[in-house]
Amino acid sequence: ARHLSMKVGRLAESWTGNCLAMGLAQGFIEPLEATALHIV
């Protein structure tokens, strides 16, 4: 068994200055609807 922690939420802004956050750095909603890559 592998145990994982989830940081559920999002950044207030995905694009800050000259940086774009993507994937888990941008935010995460639990995988119930398999939306992680959809958002990317």
PDB file of all heavy atoms in Angstrom:
ATOM      1  N   ALA A   1       0.846  -1.193   0.000  1.00  0.00           N
ATOM      2  CA  ALA A   1       0.000   0.000   0.000  1.00  0.00           C
ATOM      3  C   ALA A   1       0.880   1.240   0.000  1.00  0.00           C
ATOM      4  O   ALA A   1       1.903   1.282   0.676  1.00  0.00           O
ATOM      5  CB  ALA A   1      -0.916   0.011   1.220  1.00  0.00           C
ATOM      6  N   ARG A   2       0.481   2.240  -0.756  1.00  0.00           N
ATOM      7  CA  ARG A   2       1.155   3.531  -0.751  1.00  0.00           C
ATOM      8  C   ARG A   2       0.186   4.574  -0.220  1.00  0.00           C
ATOM      9  O   ARG A   2      -0.991   4.595  -0.608  1.00  0.00           O
ATOM     10  CB  ARG A   2       1.597   3.929  -2.170  1.00  0.00           C
ATOM     11  CG  ARG A   2       2.710   3.077  -2.739  1.00  0.00           C
ATOM     12  CD  ARG A   2       2.917   3.359  -4.216  1.00  0.00           C
ATOM     13  NE  ARG A   2       3.167   4.769  -4.475  1.00  0.00           N
ATOM     14  CZ  ARG A   2       3.075   5.326  -5.689  1.00  0.00           C
ATOM     15  NH1 ARG A   2       2.702   4.593  -6.731  1.00  0.00           N
ATOM     16  NH2 ARG A   2       3.345   6.608  -5.857  1.00  0.00           N
ATOM     17  N   HIS A   3       0.675   5.427   0.662  1.00  0.00           N
ATOM     18  CA  HIS A   3      -0.167   6.470   1.252  1.00  0.00           C
ATOM     19  C   HIS A   3       0.213   7.823   0.673  1.00  0.00           C
ATOM     20  O   HIS A   3       1.392   8.187   0.618  1.00  0.00           O
ATOM     21  CB  HIS A   3      -0.012   6.470   2.776  1.00  0.00           C
ATOM     22  CG  HIS A   3      -0.576   5.244   3.435  1.00  0.00           C
ATOM     23  ND1 HIS A   3      -1.892   5.145   3.843  1.00  0.00           N
ATOM     24  CD2 HIS A   3      -0.007   4.042   3.724  1.00  0.00           C
ATOM     25  CE1 HIS A   3      -2.103   3.961   4.372  1.00  0.00           C
ATOM     26  NE2 HIS A   3      -0.984   3.264   4.308  1.00  0.00           N
ATOM     27  N   LEU A   4      -0.780   8.576   0.233  1.00  0.00           N
ATOM     28  CA  LEU A   4      -0.570   9.861  -0.415  1.00  0.00           C
ATOM     29  C   LEU A   4      -1.331  10.951   0.320  1.00  0.00           C
ATOM     30  O   LEU A   4      -2.424  10.713   0.856  1.00  0.00           O
ATOM     31  CB  LEU A   4      -1.061   9.815  -1.867  1.00  0.00           C
ATOM     32  CG  LEU A   4      -0.555   8.650  -2.734  1.00  0.00           C
ATOM     33  CD1 LEU A   4      -1.270   8.658  -4.080  1.00  0.00           C
ATOM     34  CD2 LEU A   4       0.943   8.732  -2.917  1.00  0.00           C
ATOM     35  N   SER A   5      -0.759  12.143   0.338  1.00  0.00           N
ATOM     36  CA  SER A   5      -1.443  13.318   0.876  1.00  0.00           C
ATOM     37  C   SER A   5      -1.871  14.206  -0.283  1.00  0.00           C
ATOM     38  O   SER A   5      -1.157  14.326  -1.283  1.00  0.00           O
ATOM     39  CB  SER A   5      -0.521  14.107   1.811  1.00  0.00           C
ATOM     40  OG  SER A   5      -0.210  13.363   2.956  1.00  0.00           O
ATOM     41  N   MET A   6      -3.008  14.854  -0.144  1.00  0.00           N
ATOM     42  CA  MET A   6      -3.534  15.709  -1.198  1.00  0.00           C
ATOM     43  C   MET A   6      -3.715  17.129  -0.668  1.00  0.00           C
ATOM     44  O   MET A   6      -4.303  17.326   0.401  1.00  0.00           O
ATOM     45  CB  MET A   6      -4.880  15.176  -1.706  1.00  0.00           C
ATOM     46  CG  MET A   6      -4.829  13.757  -2.242  1.00  0.00           C
ATOM     47  SD  MET A   6      -6.374  13.215  -3.019  1.00  0.00           S
ATOM     48  CE  MET A   6      -7.533  13.407  -1.660  1.00  0.00           C
ATOM     49  N   LYS A   7      -3.229  18.075  -1.411  1.00  0.00           N
ATOM     50  CA  LYS A   7      -3.373  19.496  -1.090  1.00  0.00           C
ATOM     51  C   LYS A   7      -4.487  20.045  -1.975  1.00  0.00           C
ATOM     52  O   LYS A   7      -4.262  20.480  -3.102  1.00  0.00           O
ATOM     53  CB  LYS A   7      -2.044  20.221  -1.346  1.00  0.00           C
ATOM     54  CG  LYS A   7      -2.022  21.690  -0.995  1.00  0.00           C
ATOM     55  CD  LYS A   7      -0.642  22.263  -1.336  1.00  0.00           C
ATOM     56  CE  LYS A   7      -0.578  23.757  -1.109  1.00  0.00           C
ATOM     57  NZ  LYS A   7       0.756  24.300  -1.518  1.00  0.00           N
ATOM     58  N   VAL A   8      -5.702  19.995  -1.454  1.00  0.00           N
ATOM     59  CA  VAL A   8      -6.880  20.305  -2.272  1.00  0.00           C
ATOM     60  C   VAL A   8      -7.187  21.801  -2.207  1.00  0.00           C
ATOM     61  O   VAL A   8      -7.393  22.361  -1.128  1.00  0.00           O
ATOM     62  CB  VAL A   8      -8.090  19.476  -1.813  1.00  0.00           C
ATOM     63  CG1 VAL A   8      -9.321  19.806  -2.641  1.00  0.00           C
ATOM     64  CG2 VAL A   8      -7.764  17.984  -1.915  1.00  0.00           C
ATOM     65  N   GLY A   9      -7.212  22.427  -3.354  1.00  0.00           N
ATOM     66  CA  GLY A   9      -7.462  23.859  -3.449  1.00  0.00           C
ATOM     67  C   GLY A   9      -6.798  24.396  -4.699  1.00  0.00           C
ATOM     68  O   GLY A   9      -6.387  23.636  -5.582  1.00  0.00           O
ATOM     69  N   ARG A  10      -6.662  25.709  -4.786  1.00  0.00           N
ATOM     70  CA  ARG A  10      -6.027  26.319  -5.955  1.00  0.00           C
ATOM     71  C   ARG A  10      -5.310  27.595  -5.557  1.00  0.00           C
ATOM     72  O   ARG A  10      -5.592  28.186  -4.502  1.00  0.00           O
ATOM     73  CB  ARG A  10      -7.071  26.659  -7.024  1.00  0.00           C
ATOM     74  CG  ARG A  10      -8.055  27.766  -6.608  1.00  0.00           C
ATOM     75  CD  ARG A  10      -8.938  28.195  -7.776  1.00  0.00           C
ATOM     76  NE  ARG A  10      -9.946  29.163  -7.372  1.00  0.00           N
ATOM     77  CZ  ARG A  10      -9.749  30.489  -7.335  1.00  0.00           C
ATOM     78  NH1 ARG A  10      -8.556  30.993  -7.651  1.00  0.00           N
ATOM     79  NH2 ARG A  10     -10.731  31.308  -6.979  1.00  0.00           N
ATOM     80  N   LEU A  11      -4.382  28.017  -6.400  1.00  0.00           N
ATOM     81  CA  LEU A  11      -3.749  29.312  -6.214  1.00  0.00           C
ATOM     82  C   LEU A  11      -4.746  30.415  -6.559  1.00  0.00           C
ATOM     83  O   LEU A  11      -5.591  30.246  -7.448  1.00  0.00           O
ATOM     84  CB  LEU A  11      -2.518  29.448  -7.105  1.00  0.00           C
ATOM     85  CG  LEU A  11      -1.323  28.532  -6.808  1.00  0.00           C
ATOM     86  CD1 LEU A  11      -0.160  28.886  -7.728  1.00  0.00           C
ATOM     87  CD2 LEU A  11      -0.883  28.650  -5.359  1.00  0.00           C
ATOM     88  N   ALA A  12      -4.646  31.510  -5.870  1.00  0.00           N
ATOM     89  CA  ALA A  12      -5.523  32.637  -6.169  1.00  0.00           C
ATOM     90  C   ALA A  12      -5.327  33.114  -7.598  1.00  0.00           C
ATOM     91  O   ALA A  12      -6.276  33.536  -8.269  1.00  0.00           O
ATOM     92  CB  ALA A  12      -5.261  33.775  -5.185  1.00  0.00           C
ATOM     93  N   GLU A  13      -4.081  33.045  -8.090  1.00  0.00           N
ATOM     94  CA  GLU A  13      -3.771  33.428  -9.461  1.00  0.00           C
ATOM     95  C   GLU A  13      -2.856  32.374 -10.078  1.00  0.00           C
ATOM     96  O   GLU A  13      -1.808  32.056  -9.512  1.00  0.00           O
ATOM     97  CB  GLU A  13      -3.075  34.789  -9.508  1.00  0.00           C
ATOM     98  CG  GLU A  13      -3.943  35.933  -8.998  1.00  0.00           C
ATOM     99  CD  GLU A  13      -3.198  37.258  -9.034  1.00  0.00           C
ATOM    100  OE1 GLU A  13      -1.950  37.240  -8.947  1.00  0.00           O
ATOM    101  OE2 GLU A  13      -3.856  38.297  -9.152  1.00  0.00           O
ATOM    102  N   SER A  14      -3.237  31.851 -11.231  1.00  0.00           N
ATOM    103  CA  SER A  14      -2.389  30.867 -11.901  1.00  0.00           C
ATOM    104  C   SER A  14      -1.194  31.538 -12.575  1.00  0.00           C
ATOM    105  O   SER A  14      -0.132  30.931 -12.711  1.00  0.00           O
ATOM    106  CB  SER A  14      -3.208  30.092 -12.942  1.00  0.00           C
ATOM    107  OG  SER A  14      -4.194  29.293 -12.318  1.00  0.00           O
ATOM    108  N   TRP A  15      -1.365  32.773 -13.016  1.00  0.00           N
ATOM    109  CA  TRP A  15      -0.305  33.517 -13.698  1.00  0.00           C
ATOM    110  C   TRP A  15       0.087  34.690 -12.814  1.00  0.00           C
ATOM    111  O   TRP A  15      -0.684  35.634 -12.626  1.00  0.00           O
ATOM    112  CB  TRP A  15      -0.797  33.977 -15.051  1.00  0.00           C
ATOM    113  CG  TRP A  15       0.154  34.777 -15.892  1.00  0.00           C
ATOM    114  CD1 TRP A  15       1.421  35.164 -15.601  1.00  0.00           C
ATOM    115  CD2 TRP A  15      -0.131  35.303 -17.202  1.00  0.00           C
ATOM    116  NE1 TRP A  15       1.951  35.899 -16.629  1.00  0.00           N
ATOM    117  CE2 TRP A  15       1.030  35.991 -17.631  1.00  0.00           C
ATOM    118  CE3 TRP A  15      -1.246  35.252 -18.039  1.00  0.00           C
ATOM    119  CZ2 TRP A  15       1.081  36.633 -18.869  1.00  0.00           C
ATOM    120  CZ3 TRP A  15      -1.182  35.888 -19.271  1.00  0.00           C
ATOM    121  CH2 TRP A  15      -0.031  36.567 -19.685  1.00  0.00           C
ATOM    122  N   THR A  16       1.272  34.615 -12.226  1.00  0.00           N
ATOM    123  CA  THR A  16       1.790  35.672 -11.366  1.00  0.00           C
ATOM    124  C   THR A  16       3.114  36.164 -11.926  1.00  0.00           C
ATOM    125  O   THR A  16       4.043  35.377 -12.127  1.00  0.00           O
ATOM    126  CB  THR A  16       2.030  35.161  -9.933  1.00  0.00           C
ATOM    127  OG1 THR A  16       0.814  34.606  -9.411  1.00  0.00           O
ATOM    128  CG2 THR A  16       2.487  36.296  -9.024  1.00  0.00           C
ATOM    129  N   GLY A  17       3.213  37.472 -12.182  1.00  0.00           N
ATOM    130  CA  GLY A  17       4.452  38.002 -12.746  1.00  0.00           C
ATOM    131  C   GLY A  17       4.791  37.310 -14.041  1.00  0.00           C
ATOM    132  O   GLY A  17       3.971  37.243 -14.963  1.00  0.00           O
ATOM    133  N   ASN A  18       5.989  36.784 -14.136  1.00  0.00           N
ATOM    134  CA  ASN A  18       6.401  36.045 -15.335  1.00  0.00           C
ATOM    135  C   ASN A  18       6.439  34.545 -15.072  1.00  0.00           C
ATOM    136  O   ASN A  18       7.291  33.817 -15.574  1.00  0.00           O
ATOM    137  CB  ASN A  18       7.757  36.530 -15.844  1.00  0.00           C
ATOM    138  CG  ASN A  18       8.883  36.278 -14.855  1.00  0.00           C
ATOM    139  OD1 ASN A  18       8.647  36.157 -13.651  1.00  0.00           O
ATOM    140  ND2 ASN A  18      10.118  36.204 -15.348  1.00  0.00           N
ATOM    141  N   CYS A  19       5.459  34.083 -14.283  1.00  0.00           N
ATOM    142  CA  CYS A  19       5.373  32.658 -13.938  1.00  0.00           C
ATOM    143  C   CYS A  19       3.946  32.153 -14.093  1.00  0.00           C
ATOM    144  O   CYS A  19       2.989  32.775 -13.599  1.00  0.00           O
ATOM    145  CB  CYS A  19       5.855  32.427 -12.506  1.00  0.00           C
ATOM    146  SG  CYS A  19       5.581  30.744 -11.897  1.00  0.00           S
ATOM    147  N   LEU A  20       3.810  31.025 -14.758  1.00  0.00           N
ATOM    148  CA  LEU A  20       2.538  30.333 -14.883  1.00  0.00           C
ATOM    149  C   LEU A  20       2.615  29.037 -14.091  1.00  0.00           C
ATOM    150  O   LEU A  20       3.504  28.218 -14.322  1.00  0.00           O
ATOM    151  CB  LEU A  20       2.248  30.011 -16.355  1.00  0.00           C
ATOM    152  CG  LEU A  20       1.013  29.147 -16.644  1.00  0.00           C
ATOM    153  CD1 LEU A  20      -0.264  29.904 -16.297  1.00  0.00           C
ATOM    154  CD2 LEU A  20       1.000  28.696 -18.097  1.00  0.00           C
ATOM    155  N   ALA A  21       1.707  28.847 -13.141  1.00  0.00           N
ATOM    156  CA  ALA A  21       1.643  27.602 -12.375  1.00  0.00           C
ATOM    157  C   ALA A  21       0.758  26.607 -13.110  1.00  0.00           C
ATOM    158  O   ALA A  21      -0.307  26.962 -13.616  1.00  0.00           O
ATOM    159  CB  ALA A  21       1.103  27.858 -10.973  1.00  0.00           C
ATOM    160  N   MET A  22       1.207  25.353 -13.151  1.00  0.00           N
ATOM    161  CA  MET A  22       0.473  24.307 -13.853  1.00  0.00           C
ATOM    162  C   MET A  22       0.451  23.040 -13.000  1.00  0.00           C
ATOM    163  O   MET A  22       1.327  22.817 -12.165  1.00  0.00           O
ATOM    164  CB  MET A  22       1.139  24.001 -15.191  1.00  0.00           C
ATOM    165  CG  MET A  22       1.097  25.146 -16.187  1.00  0.00           C
ATOM    166  SD  MET A  22      -0.523  25.317 -16.970  1.00  0.00           S
ATOM    167  CE  MET A  22      -0.403  24.068 -18.227  1.00  0.00           C
ATOM    168  N   GLY A  23      -0.516  22.185 -13.258  1.00  0.00           N
ATOM    169  CA  GLY A  23      -0.585  20.910 -12.559  1.00  0.00           C
ATOM    170  C   GLY A  23      -0.817  21.094 -11.076  1.00  0.00           C
ATOM    171  O   GLY A  23      -1.551  21.990 -10.644  1.00  0.00           O
ATOM    172  N   LEU A  24      -0.188  20.248 -10.267  1.00  0.00           N
ATOM    173  CA  LEU A  24      -0.392  20.290  -8.820  1.00  0.00           C
ATOM    174  C   LEU A  24       0.090  21.596  -8.211  1.00  0.00           C
ATOM    175  O   LEU A  24      -0.389  21.996  -7.145  1.00  0.00           O
ATOM    176  CB  LEU A  24       0.321  19.115  -8.159  1.00  0.00           C
ATOM    177  CG  LEU A  24      -0.139  17.711  -8.570  1.00  0.00           C
ATOM    178  CD1 LEU A  24       0.663  16.651  -7.827  1.00  0.00           C
ATOM    179  CD2 LEU A  24      -1.630  17.535  -8.314  1.00  0.00           C
ATOM    180  N   ALA A  25       1.035  22.280  -8.847  1.00  0.00           N
ATOM    181  CA  ALA A  25       1.494  23.571  -8.341  1.00  0.00           C
ATOM    182  C   ALA A  25       0.408  24.627  -8.488  1.00  0.00           C
ATOM    183  O   ALA A  25       0.347  25.592  -7.716  1.00  0.00           O
ATOM    184  CB  ALA A  25       2.755  24.014  -9.082  1.00  0.00           C
ATOM    185  N   GLN A  26      -0.452  24.439  -9.458  1.00  0.00           N
ATOM    186  CA  GLN A  26      -1.539  25.381  -9.728  1.00  0.00           C
ATOM    187  C   GLN A  26      -2.732  25.132  -8.817  1.00  0.00           C
ATOM    188  O   GLN A  26      -3.395  26.066  -8.356  1.00  0.00           O
ATOM    189  CB  GLN A  26      -1.950  25.233 -11.192  1.00  0.00           C
ATOM    190  CG  GLN A  26      -3.118  26.089 -11.639  1.00  0.00           C
ATOM    191  CD  GLN A  26      -3.566  25.703 -13.042  1.00  0.00           C
ATOM    192  OE1 GLN A  26      -3.269  24.602 -13.515  1.00  0.00           O
ATOM    193  NE2 GLN A  26      -4.274  26.583 -13.715  1.00  0.00           N
ATOM    194  N   GLY A  27      -3.003  23.862  -8.571  1.00  0.00           N
ATOM    195  CA  GLY A  27      -4.150  23.512  -7.749  1.00  0.00           C
ATOM    196  C   GLY A  27      -4.508  22.053  -7.936  1.00  0.00           C
ATOM    197  O   GLY A  27      -3.998  21.385  -8.843  1.00  0.00           O
ATOM    198  N   PHE A  28      -5.392  21.565  -7.089  1.00  0.00           N
ATOM    199  CA  PHE A  28      -5.796  20.166  -7.188  1.00  0.00           C
ATOM    200  C   PHE A  28      -7.193  20.001  -6.624  1.00  0.00           C
ATOM    201  O   PHE A  28      -7.504  20.489  -5.532  1.00  0.00           O
ATOM    202  CB  PHE A  28      -4.827  19.263  -6.423  1.00  0.00           C
ATOM    203  CG  PHE A  28      -5.174  17.797  -6.503  1.00  0.00           C
ATOM    204  CD1 PHE A  28      -4.999  17.097  -7.679  1.00  0.00           C
ATOM    205  CD2 PHE A  28      -5.674  17.121  -5.399  1.00  0.00           C
ATOM    206  CE1 PHE A  28      -5.320  15.746  -7.771  1.00  0.00           C
ATOM    207  CE2 PHE A  28      -5.993  15.776  -5.467  1.00  0.00           C
ATOM    208  CZ  PHE A  28      -5.815  15.079  -6.662  1.00  0.00           C
ATOM    209  N   ILE A  29      -8.033  19.360  -7.401  1.00  0.00           N
ATOM    210  CA  ILE A  29      -9.364  18.953  -6.951  1.00  0.00           C
ATOM    211  C   ILE A  29      -9.368  17.436  -6.980  1.00  0.00           C
ATOM    212  O   ILE A  29      -8.909  16.827  -7.950  1.00  0.00           O
ATOM    213  CB  ILE A  29     -10.465  19.513  -7.859  1.00  0.00           C
ATOM    214  CG1 ILE A  29     -10.365  21.043  -7.928  1.00  0.00           C
ATOM    215  CG2 ILE A  29     -11.844  19.106  -7.353  1.00  0.00           C
ATOM    216  CD1 ILE A  29     -11.350  21.679  -8.895  1.00  0.00           C
ATOM    217  N   GLU A  30      -9.851  16.820  -5.951  1.00  0.00           N
ATOM    218  CA  GLU A  30      -9.768  15.360  -5.862  1.00  0.00           C
ATOM    219  C   GLU A  30     -10.200  14.697  -7.170  1.00  0.00           C
ATOM    220  O   GLU A  30     -10.985  15.268  -7.934  1.00  0.00           O
ATOM    221  CB  GLU A  30     -10.616  14.857  -4.698  1.00  0.00           C
ATOM    222  CG  GLU A  30     -12.099  15.114  -4.853  1.00  0.00           C
ATOM    223  CD  GLU A  30     -12.891  14.331  -3.824  1.00  0.00           C
ATOM    224  OE1 GLU A  30     -12.987  14.774  -2.674  1.00  0.00           O
ATOM    225  OE2 GLU A  30     -13.399  13.273  -4.189  1.00  0.00           O
ATOM    226  N   PRO A  31      -9.701  13.483  -7.436  1.00  0.00           N
ATOM    227  CA  PRO A  31      -9.830  12.899  -8.781  1.00  0.00           C
ATOM    228  C   PRO A  31     -11.179  12.272  -9.115  1.00  0.00           C
ATOM    229  O   PRO A  31     -11.256  11.438 -10.027  1.00  0.00           O
ATOM    230  CB  PRO A  31      -8.726  11.839  -8.776  1.00  0.00           C
ATOM    231  CG  PRO A  31      -8.612  11.415  -7.349  1.00  0.00           C
ATOM    232  CD  PRO A  31      -8.828  12.678  -6.549  1.00  0.00           C
ATOM    233  N   LEU A  32     -12.236  12.663  -8.454  1.00  0.00           N
ATOM    234  CA  LEU A  32     -13.540  12.035  -8.656  1.00  0.00           C
ATOM    235  C   LEU A  32     -14.007  12.112 -10.104  1.00  0.00           C
ATOM    236  O   LEU A  32     -14.594  11.168 -10.632  1.00  0.00           O
ATOM    237  CB  LEU A  32     -14.577  12.689  -7.734  1.00  0.00           C
ATOM    238  CG  LEU A  32     -15.976  12.090  -7.745  1.00  0.00           C
ATOM    239  CD1 LEU A  32     -15.952  10.635  -7.326  1.00  0.00           C
ATOM    240  CD2 LEU A  32     -16.906  12.885  -6.826  1.00  0.00           C
ATOM    241  N   GLU A  33     -13.772  13.229 -10.767  1.00  0.00           N
ATOM    242  CA  GLU A  33     -14.200  13.399 -12.153  1.00  0.00           C
ATOM    243  C   GLU A  33     -13.024  13.432 -13.130  1.00  0.00           C
ATOM    244  O   GLU A  33     -13.175  13.849 -14.278  1.00  0.00           O
ATOM    245  CB  GLU A  33     -15.038  14.683 -12.289  1.00  0.00           C
ATOM    246  CG  GLU A  33     -16.411  14.596 -11.649  1.00  0.00           C
ATOM    247  CD  GLU A  33     -17.382  13.730 -12.448  1.00  0.00           C
ATOM    248  OE1 GLU A  33     -17.139  13.530 -13.646  1.00  0.00           O
ATOM    249  OE2 GLU A  33     -18.378  13.269 -11.866  1.00  0.00           O
ATOM    250  N   ALA A  34     -11.833  13.028 -12.660  1.00  0.00           N
ATOM    251  CA  ALA A  34     -10.651  12.906 -13.529  1.00  0.00           C
ATOM    252  C   ALA A  34     -10.360  14.191 -14.292  1.00  0.00           C
ATOM    253  O   ALA A  34     -10.128  14.185 -15.501  1.00  0.00           O
ATOM    254  CB  ALA A  34     -10.825  11.742 -14.503  1.00  0.00           C
ATOM    255  N   THR A  35     -10.343  15.308 -13.573  1.00  0.00           N
ATOM    256  CA  THR A  35     -10.210  16.610 -14.223  1.00  0.00           C
ATOM    257  C   THR A  35      -8.793  17.179 -14.202  1.00  0.00           C
ATOM    258  O   THR A  35      -8.563  18.268 -14.719  1.00  0.00           O
ATOM    259  CB  THR A  35     -11.152  17.629 -13.554  1.00  0.00           C
ATOM    260  OG1 THR A  35     -10.929  17.615 -12.131  1.00  0.00           O
ATOM    261  CG2 THR A  35     -12.599  17.293 -13.834  1.00  0.00           C
ATOM    262  N   ALA A  36      -7.827  16.481 -13.597  1.00  0.00           N
ATOM    263  CA  ALA A  36      -6.494  17.059 -13.420  1.00  0.00           C
ATOM    264  C   ALA A  36      -5.860  17.445 -14.750  1.00  0.00           C
ATOM    265  O   ALA A  36      -5.410  18.587 -14.933  1.00  0.00           O
ATOM    266  CB  ALA A  36      -5.607  16.087 -12.648  1.00  0.00           C
ATOM    267  N   LEU A  37      -5.802  16.517 -15.696  1.00  0.00           N
ATOM    268  CA  LEU A  37      -5.171  16.818 -16.975  1.00  0.00           C
ATOM    269  C   LEU A  37      -6.051  17.710 -17.838  1.00  0.00           C
ATOM    270  O   LEU A  37      -5.548  18.489 -18.659  1.00  0.00           O
ATOM    271  CB  LEU A  37      -4.827  15.532 -17.715  1.00  0.00           C
ATOM    272  CG  LEU A  37      -3.807  14.632 -17.020  1.00  0.00           C
ATOM    273  CD1 LEU A  37      -3.376  13.501 -17.949  1.00  0.00           C
ATOM    274  CD2 LEU A  37      -2.587  15.414 -16.554  1.00  0.00           C
ATOM    275  N   HIS A  38      -7.346  17.609 -17.653  1.00  0.00           N
ATOM    276  CA  HIS A  38      -8.281  18.518 -18.331  1.00  0.00           C
ATOM    277  C   HIS A  38      -7.913  19.965 -18.012  1.00  0.00           C
ATOM    278  O   HIS A  38      -7.855  20.818 -18.903  1.00  0.00           O
ATOM    279  CB  HIS A  38      -9.702  18.192 -17.861  1.00  0.00           C
ATOM    280  CG  HIS A  38     -10.759  19.129 -18.359  1.00  0.00           C
ATOM    281  ND1 HIS A  38     -11.793  18.713 -19.159  1.00  0.00           N
ATOM    282  CD2 HIS A  38     -10.954  20.455 -18.167  1.00  0.00           C
ATOM    283  CE1 HIS A  38     -12.568  19.742 -19.452  1.00  0.00           C
ATOM    284  NE2 HIS A  38     -12.080  20.806 -18.845  1.00  0.00           N
ATOM    285  N   ILE A  39      -7.642  20.256 -16.730  1.00  0.00           N
ATOM    286  CA  ILE A  39      -7.296  21.616 -16.329  1.00  0.00           C
ATOM    287  C   ILE A  39      -5.941  22.018 -16.889  1.00  0.00           C
ATOM    288  O   ILE A  39      -5.737  23.166 -17.315  1.00  0.00           O
ATOM    289  CB  ILE A  39      -7.324  21.743 -14.798  1.00  0.00           C
ATOM    290  CG1 ILE A  39      -8.759  21.563 -14.281  1.00  0.00           C
ATOM    291  CG2 ILE A  39      -6.775  23.096 -14.345  1.00  0.00           C
ATOM    292  CD1 ILE A  39      -8.880  21.560 -12.764  1.00  0.00           C
ATOM    293  N   VAL A  40      -4.979  21.096 -16.909  1.00  0.00           N
ATOM    294  CA  VAL A  40      -3.664  21.399 -17.484  1.00  0.00           C
ATOM    295  C   VAL A  40      -3.811  21.814 -18.945  1.00  0.00           C
ATOM    296  O   VAL A  40      -3.261  22.843 -19.381  1.00  0.00           O
ATOM    297  CB  VAL A  40      -2.724  20.181 -17.363  1.00  0.00           C
ATOM    298  CG1 VAL A  40      -1.454  20.400 -18.184  1.00  0.00           C
ATOM    299  CG2 VAL A  40      -2.358  19.934 -15.907  1.00  0.00           C
TER     300      VAL A  40
END
